[in-house]
C-alpha atoms as a PDB file:
ATOM      1  CA  MET A   1       0.000   0.000   0.000  1.00  0.00           C
ATOM      2  CA  ASN A   2       2.982   2.306   0.380  1.00  0.00           C
ATOM      3  CA  ASP A   3       3.092   3.140  -3.324  1.00  0.00           C
ATOM      4  CA  VAL A   4      -0.649   3.763  -3.808  1.00  0.00           C
ATOM      5  CA  ALA A   5       0.182   7.495  -3.818  1.00  0.00           C
ATOM      6  CA  HIS A   6       1.701   6.998  -7.268  1.00  0.00           C
ATOM      7  CA  ALA A   7      -1.625   5.737  -8.610  1.00  0.00           C
ATOM      8  CA  THR A   8      -3.729   8.885  -8.116  1.00  0.00           C
ATOM      9  CA  TYR A   9      -3.643  12.647  -7.713  1.00  0.00           C
ATOM     10  CA  ALA A  10      -6.823  12.596  -5.611  1.00  0.00           C
ATOM     11  CA  MET A  11      -6.755  13.033  -1.855  1.00  0.00           C
ATOM     12  CA  TYR A  12      -7.151   9.646  -0.259  1.00  0.00           C
ATOM     13  CA  PHE A  13      -7.164   8.161   3.212  1.00  0.00           C
ATOM     14  CA  LEU A  14      -6.241   4.630   4.207  1.00  0.00           C
ATOM     15  CA  TYR A  15      -7.418   2.877   7.332  1.00  0.00           C
ATOM     16  CA  ALA A  16      -6.792  -0.840   7.790  1.00  0.00           C
ATOM     17  CA  ASP A  17      -8.321  -2.366   4.635  1.00  0.00           C
ATOM     18  CA  ASP A  18     -10.448   0.679   3.724  1.00  0.00           C
ATOM     19  CA  THR A  19      -9.615   3.374   1.194  1.00  0.00           C
ATOM     20  CA  PHE A  20     -11.455   6.695   1.123  1.00  0.00           C
ATOM     21  CA  VAL A  21     -11.052   9.018  -1.888  1.00  0.00           C
ATOM     22  CA  CYS A  22     -11.970  12.693  -1.681  1.00  0.00           C
ATOM     23  CA  VAL A  23     -12.530  14.940  -4.707  1.00  0.00           C
ATOM     24  CA  SER A  24     -13.672  18.561  -4.613  1.00  0.00           C
ATOM     25  CA  ASP A  25     -14.494  21.296  -7.104  1.00  0.00           C
ATOM     26  CA  SER A  26     -17.035  24.079  -7.526  1.00  0.00           C
ATOM     27  CA  ASN A  27     -18.524  22.330 -10.585  1.00  0.00           C
ATOM     28  CA  SER A  28     -20.462  19.100  -9.982  1.00  0.00           C
ATOM     29  CA  SER A  29     -19.746  17.702 -13.462  1.00  0.00           C
ATOM     30  CA  THR A  30     -16.018  18.213 -12.924  1.00  0.00           C
ATOM     31  CA  ILE A  31     -16.212  16.472  -9.555  1.00  0.00           C
ATOM     32  CA  PHE A  32     -17.803  13.378 -11.073  1.00  0.00           C
ATOM     33  CA  GLN A  33     -15.454  13.350 -14.067  1.00  0.00           C
ATOM     34  CA  THR A  34     -12.406  13.640 -11.790  1.00  0.00           C
ATOM     35  CA  ALA A  35     -13.781  11.067  -9.335  1.00  0.00           C
ATOM     36  CA  ASN A  36     -14.307   8.543 -12.121  1.00  0.00           C
ATOM     37  CA  ILE A  37     -10.822   9.063 -13.527  1.00  0.00           C
ATOM     38  CA  GLU A  38      -9.052   8.852 -10.164  1.00  0.00           C
ATOM     39  CA  ILE A  39     -11.094   5.951  -8.796  1.00  0.00           C
ATOM     40  CA  ASN A  40     -10.430   3.944 -11.940  1.00  0.00           C
ATOM     41  CA  LYS A  41      -6.708   4.691 -11.615  1.00  0.00           C
ATOM     42  CA  LEU A  42      -6.911   3.245  -8.109  1.00  0.00           C
ATOM     43  CA  TYR A  43      -8.880   0.261  -9.414  1.00  0.00           C
ATOM     44  CA  ASP A  44      -6.107  -0.418 -11.947  1.00  0.00           C
ATOM     45  CA  TRP A  45      -3.523  -0.150  -9.158  1.00  0.00           C
ATOM     46  CA  PHE A  46      -5.511  -2.594  -7.008  1.00  0.00           C
ATOM     47  CA  CYS A  47      -5.712  -5.060  -9.901  1.00  0.00           C
ATOM     48  CA  ALA A  48      -1.999  -4.738 -10.679  1.00  0.00           C
ATOM     49  CA  ASN A  49      -1.238  -5.497  -7.028  1.00  0.00           C
ATOM     50  CA  ARG A  50      -3.680  -8.417  -6.900  1.00  0.00           C
ATOM     51  CA  LEU A  51      -6.011  -6.682  -4.453  1.00  0.00           C
ATOM     52  CA  SER A  52      -9.780  -6.772  -4.725  1.00  0.00           C
ATOM     53  CA  LEU A  53     -12.538  -4.282  -3.963  1.00  0.00           C
ATOM     54  CA  ASN A  54     -15.495  -5.378  -1.870  1.00  0.00           C
ATOM     55  CA  ALA A  55     -18.587  -4.756  -4.029  1.00  0.00           C
ATOM     56  CA  LYS A  56     -20.786  -4.359  -0.921  1.00  0.00           C
ATOM     57  CA  LYS A  57     -18.614  -1.537   0.413  1.00  0.00           C
ATOM     58  CA  ARG A  58     -18.386   0.512  -2.798  1.00  0.00           C
ATOM     59  CA  ASN A  59     -20.364   3.665  -2.103  1.00  0.00           C
ATOM     60  CA  TYR A  60     -20.015   7.391  -2.555  1.00  0.00           C
ATOM     61  CA  ILE A  61     -21.531  10.417  -0.906  1.00  0.00           C
ATOM     62  CA  VAL A  62     -21.894  13.991  -2.112  1.00  0.00           C
ATOM     63  CA  LEU A  63     -21.292  16.580   0.580  1.00  0.00           C
ATOM     64  CA  ARG A  64     -22.410  20.111  -0.225  1.00  0.00           C
ATOM     65  CA  SER A  65     -23.929  23.162   1.327  1.00  0.00           C
ATOM     66  CA  PRO A  66     -27.735  22.930   1.621  1.00  0.00           C
ATOM     67  CA  TYR A  67     -27.868  26.386   0.037  1.00  0.00           C
ATOM     68  CA  ILE A  68     -26.249  25.206  -3.182  1.00  0.00           C
ATOM     69  CA  LYS A  69     -28.492  23.295  -5.561  1.00  0.00           C
ATOM     70  CA  CYS A  70     -27.026  21.086  -8.241  1.00  0.00           C
ATOM     71  CA  ALA A  71     -28.521  18.384 -10.434  1.00  0.00           C
ATOM     72  CA  LEU A  72     -26.919  15.058  -9.561  1.00  0.00           C
ATOM     73  CA  HIS A  73     -29.433  12.612 -11.018  1.00  0.00           C
ATOM     74  CA  ASP A  74     -27.520  12.219 -14.308  1.00  0.00           C
ATOM     75  CA  LEU A  75     -24.072  11.998 -12.693  1.00  0.00           C
ATOM     76  CA  ASN A  76     -22.645   8.643 -11.592  1.00  0.00           C
ATOM     77  CA  VAL A  77     -19.452   7.167 -10.247  1.00  0.00           C
ATOM     78  CA  VAL A  78     -18.376   3.982 -12.003  1.00  0.00           C
ATOM     79  CA  ILE A  79     -15.574   1.495 -11.343  1.00  0.00           C
ATOM     80  CA  ASN A  80     -14.646  -0.773 -14.241  1.00  0.00           C
ATOM     81  CA  GLU A  81     -18.012  -0.041 -15.912  1.00  0.00           C
ATOM     82  CA  MET A  82     -19.918  -0.993 -12.727  1.00  0.00           C
ATOM     83  CA  PRO A  83     -21.982   1.829 -11.141  1.00  0.00           C
ATOM     84  CA  ILE A  84     -21.354   2.625  -7.489  1.00  0.00           C
ATOM     85  CA  SER A  85     -24.288   3.283  -5.146  1.00  0.00           C
ATOM     86  CA  ARG A  86     -24.761   6.808  -3.879  1.00  0.00           C
ATOM     87  CA  ILE A  87     -25.494   7.266  -0.188  1.00  0.00           C
ATOM     88  CA  ARG A  88     -28.288   9.809   0.310  1.00  0.00           C
ATOM     89  CA  LYS A  89     -29.397  11.425   3.511  1.00  0.00           C
ATOM     90  CA  ASN A  90     -32.923  11.390   2.093  1.00  0.00           C
ATOM     91  CA  PRO A  91     -33.855   8.376  -0.089  1.00  0.00           C
ATOM     92  CA  LYS A  92     -36.098  10.609  -2.266  1.00  0.00           C
ATOM     93  CA  GLU A  93     -33.288  13.109  -2.805  1.00  0.00           C
ATOM     94  CA  ASP A  94     -32.309  13.458  -6.471  1.00  0.00           C
ATOM     95  CA  SER A  95     -30.403  16.720  -6.431  1.00  0.00           C
END
């Protein structure tokens, strides 16, 4: 795991067998584009190092100010062409 820093430019945190990736920007489309690029770089690194990702633990969350509205329903995070589930504070939330 010591060389995982060479796999991505995104901010990441490691704890035991968990990896947390953090991406930020003022534009929601840019955030999702960057997240997809960086997460897939990490996926490639995991594969090259014969590590696997737990499909049940693949989730993402969007943190934003409640005063800023942005359409998120068409934006997705995908690893190796598999969509990742978004965690919502309100199950009916689509933006």
